N, C-alpha and C. Protein backbone atom coordinates (compact mmCIF):
# COMPACT_ATOMS: atom_id res chain seq x y z
N MET A 1 -15.60 -15.09 11.51
CA MET A 1 -16.25 -14.42 12.61
C MET A 1 -17.36 -13.45 12.17
N PRO A 2 -17.55 -13.18 10.88
CA PRO A 2 -18.61 -12.25 10.51
C PRO A 2 -19.96 -12.73 11.04
N GLY A 3 -20.76 -11.78 11.51
CA GLY A 3 -22.08 -12.12 11.99
C GLY A 3 -22.17 -12.44 13.47
N LYS A 4 -21.05 -12.60 14.14
CA LYS A 4 -21.09 -12.92 15.57
C LYS A 4 -21.45 -11.71 16.42
N PHE A 5 -21.14 -10.52 15.88
CA PHE A 5 -21.36 -9.29 16.62
C PHE A 5 -22.14 -8.30 15.77
N VAL A 6 -22.74 -7.34 16.42
CA VAL A 6 -23.56 -6.33 15.77
C VAL A 6 -22.67 -5.18 15.29
N THR A 7 -22.94 -4.69 14.09
CA THR A 7 -22.27 -3.48 13.62
C THR A 7 -23.09 -2.29 14.11
N PRO A 8 -22.50 -1.41 14.92
CA PRO A 8 -23.25 -0.26 15.43
C PRO A 8 -23.78 0.61 14.29
N THR A 9 -24.92 1.23 14.54
CA THR A 9 -25.55 2.12 13.57
C THR A 9 -25.59 3.53 14.14
N GLU A 10 -25.89 4.48 13.27
CA GLU A 10 -26.03 5.86 13.72
C GLU A 10 -27.07 5.95 14.85
N LYS A 11 -28.18 5.26 14.69
CA LYS A 11 -29.23 5.29 15.71
C LYS A 11 -28.78 4.65 17.02
N SER A 12 -28.11 3.50 16.94
CA SER A 12 -27.70 2.84 18.19
C SER A 12 -26.66 3.67 18.94
N VAL A 13 -25.75 4.31 18.20
CA VAL A 13 -24.74 5.18 18.82
C VAL A 13 -25.43 6.39 19.44
N ASP A 14 -26.36 6.99 18.70
CA ASP A 14 -27.11 8.14 19.20
C ASP A 14 -27.87 7.77 20.47
N ASP A 15 -28.56 6.64 20.45
CA ASP A 15 -29.34 6.23 21.62
C ASP A 15 -28.45 5.98 22.84
N MET A 16 -27.37 5.24 22.64
CA MET A 16 -26.49 4.87 23.77
C MET A 16 -25.77 6.10 24.34
N LEU A 17 -25.13 6.87 23.47
CA LEU A 17 -24.36 8.01 23.96
C LEU A 17 -25.24 9.19 24.32
N GLY A 18 -26.43 9.24 23.75
CA GLY A 18 -27.40 10.25 24.16
C GLY A 18 -27.81 10.09 25.61
N MET A 19 -27.88 8.84 26.08
CA MET A 19 -28.20 8.60 27.49
C MET A 19 -27.10 9.14 28.40
N LEU A 20 -25.86 9.14 27.91
CA LEU A 20 -24.74 9.63 28.72
C LEU A 20 -24.59 11.14 28.66
N PHE A 21 -24.68 11.68 27.43
CA PHE A 21 -24.27 13.06 27.21
C PHE A 21 -25.41 14.02 26.84
N GLY A 22 -26.63 13.54 26.78
CA GLY A 22 -27.74 14.40 26.41
C GLY A 22 -27.99 14.40 24.92
N ASP A 23 -28.37 15.53 24.40
CA ASP A 23 -28.81 15.65 23.00
C ASP A 23 -27.62 15.67 22.04
N VAL A 24 -27.00 14.52 21.86
CA VAL A 24 -25.84 14.41 20.96
C VAL A 24 -26.31 14.45 19.51
N THR A 25 -25.38 14.79 18.62
CA THR A 25 -25.63 14.71 17.18
C THR A 25 -24.65 13.71 16.62
N VAL A 26 -25.16 12.69 15.93
CA VAL A 26 -24.33 11.63 15.37
C VAL A 26 -24.52 11.62 13.86
N THR A 27 -23.41 11.65 13.13
CA THR A 27 -23.45 11.52 11.67
C THR A 27 -22.48 10.41 11.26
N THR A 28 -22.85 9.72 10.20
CA THR A 28 -22.05 8.61 9.70
C THR A 28 -21.01 9.12 8.71
N GLY A 29 -19.84 8.50 8.72
CA GLY A 29 -18.85 8.79 7.70
C GLY A 29 -17.49 9.07 8.25
N GLY A 30 -16.52 9.03 7.35
CA GLY A 30 -15.15 9.31 7.72
C GLY A 30 -14.33 8.04 7.83
N ALA A 31 -13.06 8.25 7.97
CA ALA A 31 -12.11 7.15 8.08
C ALA A 31 -11.82 6.85 9.55
N VAL A 32 -11.30 5.68 9.81
CA VAL A 32 -10.85 5.33 11.15
C VAL A 32 -9.76 6.33 11.54
N PRO A 33 -9.86 6.95 12.71
CA PRO A 33 -8.85 7.93 13.10
C PRO A 33 -7.43 7.35 13.05
N ALA A 34 -6.52 8.11 12.45
CA ALA A 34 -5.13 7.66 12.35
C ALA A 34 -4.39 7.87 13.67
N GLU A 35 -4.85 8.83 14.46
CA GLU A 35 -4.24 9.11 15.76
C GLU A 35 -5.34 9.12 16.82
N GLY A 36 -5.01 8.64 17.99
CA GLY A 36 -5.97 8.65 19.08
C GLY A 36 -5.78 7.47 19.99
N PHE A 37 -6.86 7.06 20.61
CA PHE A 37 -6.84 5.94 21.54
C PHE A 37 -7.81 4.87 21.06
N GLY A 38 -7.56 3.67 21.50
CA GLY A 38 -8.44 2.56 21.14
C GLY A 38 -8.91 1.82 22.37
N ALA A 39 -9.84 0.91 22.13
CA ALA A 39 -10.34 0.03 23.18
C ALA A 39 -10.46 -1.36 22.59
N ARG A 40 -9.75 -2.32 23.19
CA ARG A 40 -9.76 -3.72 22.72
C ARG A 40 -10.94 -4.46 23.31
N MET A 41 -11.69 -5.12 22.45
CA MET A 41 -12.82 -5.94 22.87
C MET A 41 -12.46 -7.40 22.61
N ILE A 42 -12.62 -8.22 23.64
CA ILE A 42 -12.27 -9.64 23.51
C ILE A 42 -13.50 -10.51 23.77
N ASP A 43 -13.45 -11.72 23.22
CA ASP A 43 -14.56 -12.66 23.43
C ASP A 43 -14.30 -13.51 24.66
N ASP A 44 -15.13 -14.51 24.86
CA ASP A 44 -15.00 -15.35 26.05
C ASP A 44 -13.76 -16.24 26.03
N GLU A 45 -13.11 -16.34 24.86
CA GLU A 45 -11.85 -17.09 24.75
C GLU A 45 -10.64 -16.14 24.80
N ASN A 46 -10.89 -14.88 25.18
CA ASN A 46 -9.86 -13.85 25.29
C ASN A 46 -9.19 -13.50 23.97
N GLN A 47 -9.91 -13.67 22.87
CA GLN A 47 -9.40 -13.32 21.55
C GLN A 47 -9.92 -11.94 21.15
N LEU A 48 -9.06 -11.14 20.51
CA LEU A 48 -9.47 -9.84 20.00
C LEU A 48 -10.53 -10.04 18.91
N VAL A 49 -11.71 -9.47 19.11
CA VAL A 49 -12.79 -9.62 18.14
C VAL A 49 -13.31 -8.28 17.63
N ALA A 50 -12.98 -7.20 18.33
CA ALA A 50 -13.46 -5.88 17.92
C ALA A 50 -12.63 -4.81 18.62
N MET A 51 -12.71 -3.61 18.06
CA MET A 51 -12.05 -2.45 18.68
C MET A 51 -12.92 -1.23 18.47
N ILE A 52 -12.74 -0.29 19.34
CA ILE A 52 -13.27 1.05 19.15
C ILE A 52 -12.06 1.97 19.08
N VAL A 53 -12.02 2.82 18.07
CA VAL A 53 -10.91 3.76 17.90
C VAL A 53 -11.49 5.17 17.91
N CYS A 54 -10.90 6.03 18.74
CA CYS A 54 -11.41 7.39 18.91
C CYS A 54 -10.29 8.39 18.71
N ASP A 55 -10.61 9.50 18.05
CA ASP A 55 -9.62 10.55 17.91
C ASP A 55 -9.48 11.32 19.22
N TYR A 56 -8.46 12.18 19.28
CA TYR A 56 -8.20 12.92 20.52
C TYR A 56 -9.40 13.76 20.97
N PRO A 57 -10.09 14.47 20.05
CA PRO A 57 -11.25 15.24 20.52
C PRO A 57 -12.33 14.37 21.17
N PHE A 58 -12.60 13.18 20.62
CA PHE A 58 -13.61 12.33 21.25
C PHE A 58 -13.15 11.92 22.65
N VAL A 59 -11.89 11.54 22.80
CA VAL A 59 -11.38 11.14 24.11
C VAL A 59 -11.54 12.28 25.11
N GLY A 60 -11.10 13.46 24.73
CA GLY A 60 -11.15 14.60 25.65
C GLY A 60 -12.55 15.05 25.99
N PHE A 61 -13.39 15.21 24.95
CA PHE A 61 -14.74 15.70 25.20
C PHE A 61 -15.61 14.67 25.92
N SER A 62 -15.51 13.41 25.55
CA SER A 62 -16.34 12.39 26.22
C SER A 62 -15.88 12.21 27.67
N GLY A 63 -14.57 12.22 27.88
CA GLY A 63 -14.05 12.07 29.23
C GLY A 63 -14.42 13.23 30.13
N ALA A 64 -14.38 14.44 29.58
CA ALA A 64 -14.74 15.62 30.36
C ALA A 64 -16.25 15.68 30.61
N ALA A 65 -17.03 15.38 29.59
CA ALA A 65 -18.49 15.47 29.71
C ALA A 65 -19.03 14.48 30.74
N LEU A 66 -18.41 13.32 30.84
CA LEU A 66 -18.90 12.31 31.78
C LEU A 66 -18.87 12.82 33.22
N SER A 67 -17.86 13.64 33.55
CA SER A 67 -17.75 14.21 34.90
C SER A 67 -18.14 15.69 34.94
N MET A 68 -18.67 16.18 33.85
CA MET A 68 -19.05 17.59 33.73
C MET A 68 -17.89 18.53 34.07
N MET A 69 -16.71 18.18 33.57
CA MET A 69 -15.54 19.04 33.72
C MET A 69 -15.65 20.18 32.71
N PRO A 70 -14.98 21.29 32.93
CA PRO A 70 -15.05 22.40 31.99
C PRO A 70 -14.55 22.02 30.59
N ALA A 71 -15.27 22.49 29.57
CA ALA A 71 -14.89 22.20 28.19
C ALA A 71 -13.52 22.79 27.86
N GLY A 72 -13.20 23.94 28.43
CA GLY A 72 -11.91 24.58 28.16
C GLY A 72 -10.74 23.70 28.58
N GLY A 73 -10.87 23.03 29.69
CA GLY A 73 -9.82 22.11 30.14
C GLY A 73 -9.66 20.96 29.18
N ALA A 74 -10.78 20.45 28.67
CA ALA A 74 -10.72 19.36 27.69
C ALA A 74 -10.05 19.84 26.41
N GLU A 75 -10.39 21.05 25.98
CA GLU A 75 -9.78 21.60 24.76
C GLU A 75 -8.27 21.71 24.90
N ASP A 76 -7.81 22.15 26.07
CA ASP A 76 -6.37 22.26 26.31
C ASP A 76 -5.69 20.89 26.24
N MET A 77 -6.30 19.90 26.87
CA MET A 77 -5.71 18.55 26.85
C MET A 77 -5.70 17.97 25.44
N ILE A 78 -6.75 18.24 24.67
CA ILE A 78 -6.81 17.77 23.28
C ILE A 78 -5.68 18.41 22.48
N ALA A 79 -5.49 19.70 22.64
CA ALA A 79 -4.44 20.40 21.89
C ALA A 79 -3.06 19.86 22.23
N GLU A 80 -2.86 19.50 23.49
CA GLU A 80 -1.56 18.98 23.94
C GLU A 80 -1.44 17.47 23.77
N LYS A 81 -2.56 16.81 23.45
CA LYS A 81 -2.59 15.34 23.34
C LYS A 81 -2.08 14.68 24.62
N ASP A 82 -2.46 15.30 25.73
CA ASP A 82 -2.02 14.83 27.04
C ASP A 82 -3.22 14.93 27.98
N PHE A 83 -3.74 13.77 28.40
CA PHE A 83 -4.97 13.72 29.16
C PHE A 83 -4.73 13.35 30.61
N SER A 84 -5.52 13.95 31.49
CA SER A 84 -5.42 13.66 32.92
C SER A 84 -5.89 12.23 33.20
N LYS A 85 -5.55 11.74 34.37
CA LYS A 85 -5.98 10.40 34.78
C LYS A 85 -7.51 10.34 34.82
N THR A 86 -8.15 11.40 35.27
CA THR A 86 -9.61 11.42 35.34
C THR A 86 -10.23 11.28 33.95
N ILE A 87 -9.70 12.02 32.99
CA ILE A 87 -10.22 11.92 31.61
C ILE A 87 -10.03 10.51 31.09
N MET A 88 -8.87 9.91 31.33
CA MET A 88 -8.61 8.56 30.82
C MET A 88 -9.48 7.52 31.54
N ASP A 89 -9.69 7.68 32.83
CA ASP A 89 -10.59 6.78 33.55
C ASP A 89 -12.02 6.90 33.01
N ASN A 90 -12.44 8.13 32.74
CA ASN A 90 -13.78 8.34 32.19
C ASN A 90 -13.89 7.78 30.77
N PHE A 91 -12.83 7.94 29.97
CA PHE A 91 -12.82 7.37 28.62
C PHE A 91 -12.97 5.85 28.70
N TYR A 92 -12.29 5.23 29.64
CA TYR A 92 -12.41 3.78 29.82
C TYR A 92 -13.88 3.41 30.09
N GLU A 93 -14.53 4.17 30.95
CA GLU A 93 -15.94 3.89 31.26
C GLU A 93 -16.83 4.08 30.05
N VAL A 94 -16.57 5.12 29.26
CA VAL A 94 -17.35 5.32 28.03
C VAL A 94 -17.15 4.15 27.08
N MET A 95 -15.92 3.67 26.96
CA MET A 95 -15.66 2.52 26.08
C MET A 95 -16.34 1.26 26.62
N ASN A 96 -16.35 1.10 27.93
CA ASN A 96 -17.03 -0.05 28.52
C ASN A 96 -18.52 -0.02 28.18
N ILE A 97 -19.13 1.14 28.28
CA ILE A 97 -20.54 1.30 27.92
C ILE A 97 -20.73 1.03 26.43
N CYS A 98 -19.83 1.55 25.60
CA CYS A 98 -19.94 1.36 24.15
C CYS A 98 -19.75 -0.10 23.72
N SER A 99 -19.14 -0.92 24.55
CA SER A 99 -18.98 -2.33 24.20
C SER A 99 -20.35 -2.97 23.96
N ARG A 100 -21.36 -2.46 24.61
CA ARG A 100 -22.72 -2.99 24.46
C ARG A 100 -23.24 -2.81 23.03
N LEU A 101 -22.70 -1.83 22.31
CA LEU A 101 -23.15 -1.56 20.94
C LEU A 101 -22.82 -2.71 19.98
N PHE A 102 -21.87 -3.57 20.35
CA PHE A 102 -21.50 -4.72 19.52
C PHE A 102 -22.39 -5.93 19.77
N MET A 103 -23.27 -5.85 20.77
CA MET A 103 -24.02 -7.03 21.18
C MET A 103 -25.53 -6.82 21.05
N SER A 104 -26.21 -7.95 20.91
CA SER A 104 -27.67 -7.99 20.93
C SER A 104 -28.09 -9.20 21.76
N ASP A 105 -29.37 -9.45 21.81
CA ASP A 105 -29.86 -10.62 22.55
C ASP A 105 -29.40 -11.93 21.93
N THR A 106 -29.05 -11.89 20.64
CA THR A 106 -28.67 -13.12 19.94
C THR A 106 -27.19 -13.19 19.56
N SER A 107 -26.44 -12.12 19.80
CA SER A 107 -25.02 -12.12 19.43
C SER A 107 -24.18 -12.82 20.50
N GLU A 108 -22.94 -13.06 20.15
CA GLU A 108 -22.01 -13.58 21.15
C GLU A 108 -21.64 -12.47 22.12
N HIS A 109 -21.03 -12.84 23.22
CA HIS A 109 -20.62 -11.89 24.26
C HIS A 109 -19.20 -11.40 23.98
N LEU A 110 -18.96 -10.14 24.26
CA LEU A 110 -17.60 -9.60 24.28
C LEU A 110 -17.48 -8.66 25.45
N ARG A 111 -16.25 -8.27 25.76
CA ARG A 111 -16.03 -7.34 26.87
C ARG A 111 -14.80 -6.48 26.58
N LEU A 112 -14.76 -5.35 27.24
CA LEU A 112 -13.60 -4.46 27.14
C LEU A 112 -12.44 -5.09 27.88
N GLU A 113 -11.33 -5.27 27.17
CA GLU A 113 -10.13 -5.78 27.83
C GLU A 113 -9.31 -4.63 28.39
N LYS A 114 -9.04 -3.64 27.54
CA LYS A 114 -8.21 -2.50 27.97
C LYS A 114 -8.29 -1.41 26.92
N THR A 115 -7.85 -0.22 27.31
CA THR A 115 -7.69 0.84 26.33
C THR A 115 -6.28 0.74 25.75
N VAL A 116 -6.14 1.27 24.54
CA VAL A 116 -4.88 1.16 23.80
C VAL A 116 -4.32 2.56 23.60
N MET A 117 -3.06 2.72 23.95
CA MET A 117 -2.38 4.00 23.84
C MET A 117 -2.06 4.32 22.38
N PRO A 118 -1.88 5.60 22.05
CA PRO A 118 -1.62 5.99 20.66
C PRO A 118 -0.43 5.28 20.01
N ASP A 119 0.64 5.04 20.76
CA ASP A 119 1.83 4.43 20.15
C ASP A 119 1.61 2.97 19.75
N SER A 120 0.59 2.32 20.25
CA SER A 120 0.29 0.93 19.90
C SER A 120 -0.90 0.80 18.97
N LEU A 121 -1.54 1.91 18.66
CA LEU A 121 -2.82 1.86 17.96
C LEU A 121 -2.73 1.27 16.56
N ALA A 122 -1.74 1.67 15.76
CA ALA A 122 -1.65 1.20 14.37
C ALA A 122 -1.55 -0.32 14.30
N GLY A 123 -0.74 -0.91 15.16
CA GLY A 123 -0.60 -2.36 15.17
C GLY A 123 -1.88 -3.06 15.56
N GLU A 124 -2.60 -2.49 16.50
CA GLU A 124 -3.87 -3.07 16.94
C GLU A 124 -4.91 -3.00 15.82
N ILE A 125 -4.97 -1.85 15.15
CA ILE A 125 -5.94 -1.68 14.07
C ILE A 125 -5.66 -2.65 12.93
N SER A 126 -4.39 -2.87 12.61
CA SER A 126 -4.05 -3.75 11.49
C SER A 126 -4.56 -5.17 11.70
N ALA A 127 -4.69 -5.59 12.95
CA ALA A 127 -5.20 -6.93 13.24
C ALA A 127 -6.66 -7.10 12.81
N LEU A 128 -7.36 -5.98 12.66
CA LEU A 128 -8.78 -6.03 12.29
C LEU A 128 -9.05 -5.42 10.91
N ALA A 129 -7.99 -5.18 10.15
CA ALA A 129 -8.11 -4.48 8.88
C ALA A 129 -9.04 -5.16 7.88
N ALA A 130 -9.11 -6.47 7.90
CA ALA A 130 -9.93 -7.19 6.92
C ALA A 130 -11.40 -7.27 7.31
N GLY A 131 -11.74 -6.78 8.47
CA GLY A 131 -13.12 -6.90 8.96
C GLY A 131 -14.00 -5.73 8.57
N THR A 132 -15.06 -5.57 9.31
CA THR A 132 -16.04 -4.50 9.11
C THR A 132 -15.66 -3.30 9.96
N ASN A 133 -15.84 -2.09 9.41
CA ASN A 133 -15.67 -0.91 10.24
C ASN A 133 -16.66 0.17 9.84
N VAL A 134 -17.02 0.97 10.81
CA VAL A 134 -17.92 2.09 10.60
C VAL A 134 -17.47 3.22 11.52
N THR A 135 -17.52 4.45 10.99
CA THR A 135 -17.07 5.62 11.75
C THR A 135 -18.20 6.63 11.87
N PHE A 136 -18.27 7.26 13.03
CA PHE A 136 -19.28 8.29 13.28
C PHE A 136 -18.60 9.54 13.83
N LYS A 137 -19.17 10.69 13.49
CA LYS A 137 -18.78 11.94 14.12
C LYS A 137 -19.85 12.22 15.17
N LEU A 138 -19.42 12.48 16.37
CA LEU A 138 -20.34 12.69 17.48
C LEU A 138 -20.10 14.07 18.07
N ALA A 139 -21.16 14.88 18.11
CA ALA A 139 -21.09 16.20 18.75
C ALA A 139 -21.73 16.09 20.13
N ILE A 140 -20.95 16.42 21.15
CA ILE A 140 -21.42 16.38 22.53
C ILE A 140 -21.78 17.81 22.94
N PRO A 141 -23.04 18.05 23.34
CA PRO A 141 -23.47 19.40 23.69
C PRO A 141 -22.55 20.06 24.72
N LYS A 142 -22.23 21.32 24.49
CA LYS A 142 -21.41 22.15 25.37
C LYS A 142 -19.93 21.76 25.37
N TYR A 143 -19.55 20.77 24.56
CA TYR A 143 -18.15 20.34 24.52
C TYR A 143 -17.60 20.46 23.11
N GLY A 144 -17.93 19.57 22.24
CA GLY A 144 -17.40 19.59 20.88
C GLY A 144 -17.59 18.25 20.21
N SER A 145 -16.97 18.12 19.04
CA SER A 145 -17.14 16.93 18.21
C SER A 145 -15.87 16.11 18.13
N GLY A 146 -16.06 14.81 18.00
CA GLY A 146 -14.95 13.89 17.79
C GLY A 146 -15.42 12.69 17.00
N ASN A 147 -14.48 11.88 16.57
CA ASN A 147 -14.78 10.70 15.76
C ASN A 147 -14.58 9.43 16.56
N ILE A 148 -15.50 8.49 16.33
CA ILE A 148 -15.45 7.19 16.97
C ILE A 148 -15.69 6.13 15.90
N SER A 149 -14.79 5.16 15.83
CA SER A 149 -14.90 4.07 14.85
C SER A 149 -15.06 2.75 15.57
N PHE A 150 -15.87 1.90 14.97
CA PHE A 150 -16.11 0.55 15.49
C PHE A 150 -15.57 -0.44 14.46
N LEU A 151 -14.66 -1.30 14.87
CA LEU A 151 -14.05 -2.30 13.99
C LEU A 151 -14.39 -3.69 14.51
N ILE A 152 -14.80 -4.56 13.59
CA ILE A 152 -15.16 -5.93 13.96
C ILE A 152 -14.35 -6.88 13.10
N ALA A 153 -13.76 -7.88 13.74
CA ALA A 153 -12.95 -8.86 13.01
C ALA A 153 -13.78 -9.61 12.00
């Protein structure tokens, strides 16, 4: 499957998420988050072909920023690792938008199947362990920073 999908870059992540959150700061590096939430990406045959894995701060800050909820509320949910339905719905939408980062005019099509809860994350990640992965730290203005990893089978 190598080559069927695009590996996101610092610039592509900055461009895409900058449209959502304003003047974001994106830096490359780090490991795939060991704890957090994921998003399963499937192809037209319903096979897992990619994932996005985000740590708790990314989930909380991106979910809150999308609806312009107070940063303090997001910080509390991050500390408790317990997110409201609104934050999780917004996280789903952010992941749906980020699915576009795996595609180009010449790549195959994929789509967001579902988000993955923390208790299932390790098993999901292991299915893509042999593939390509890249991690970014993203700072969302007025909220905070979190990590987002893109894994491709």
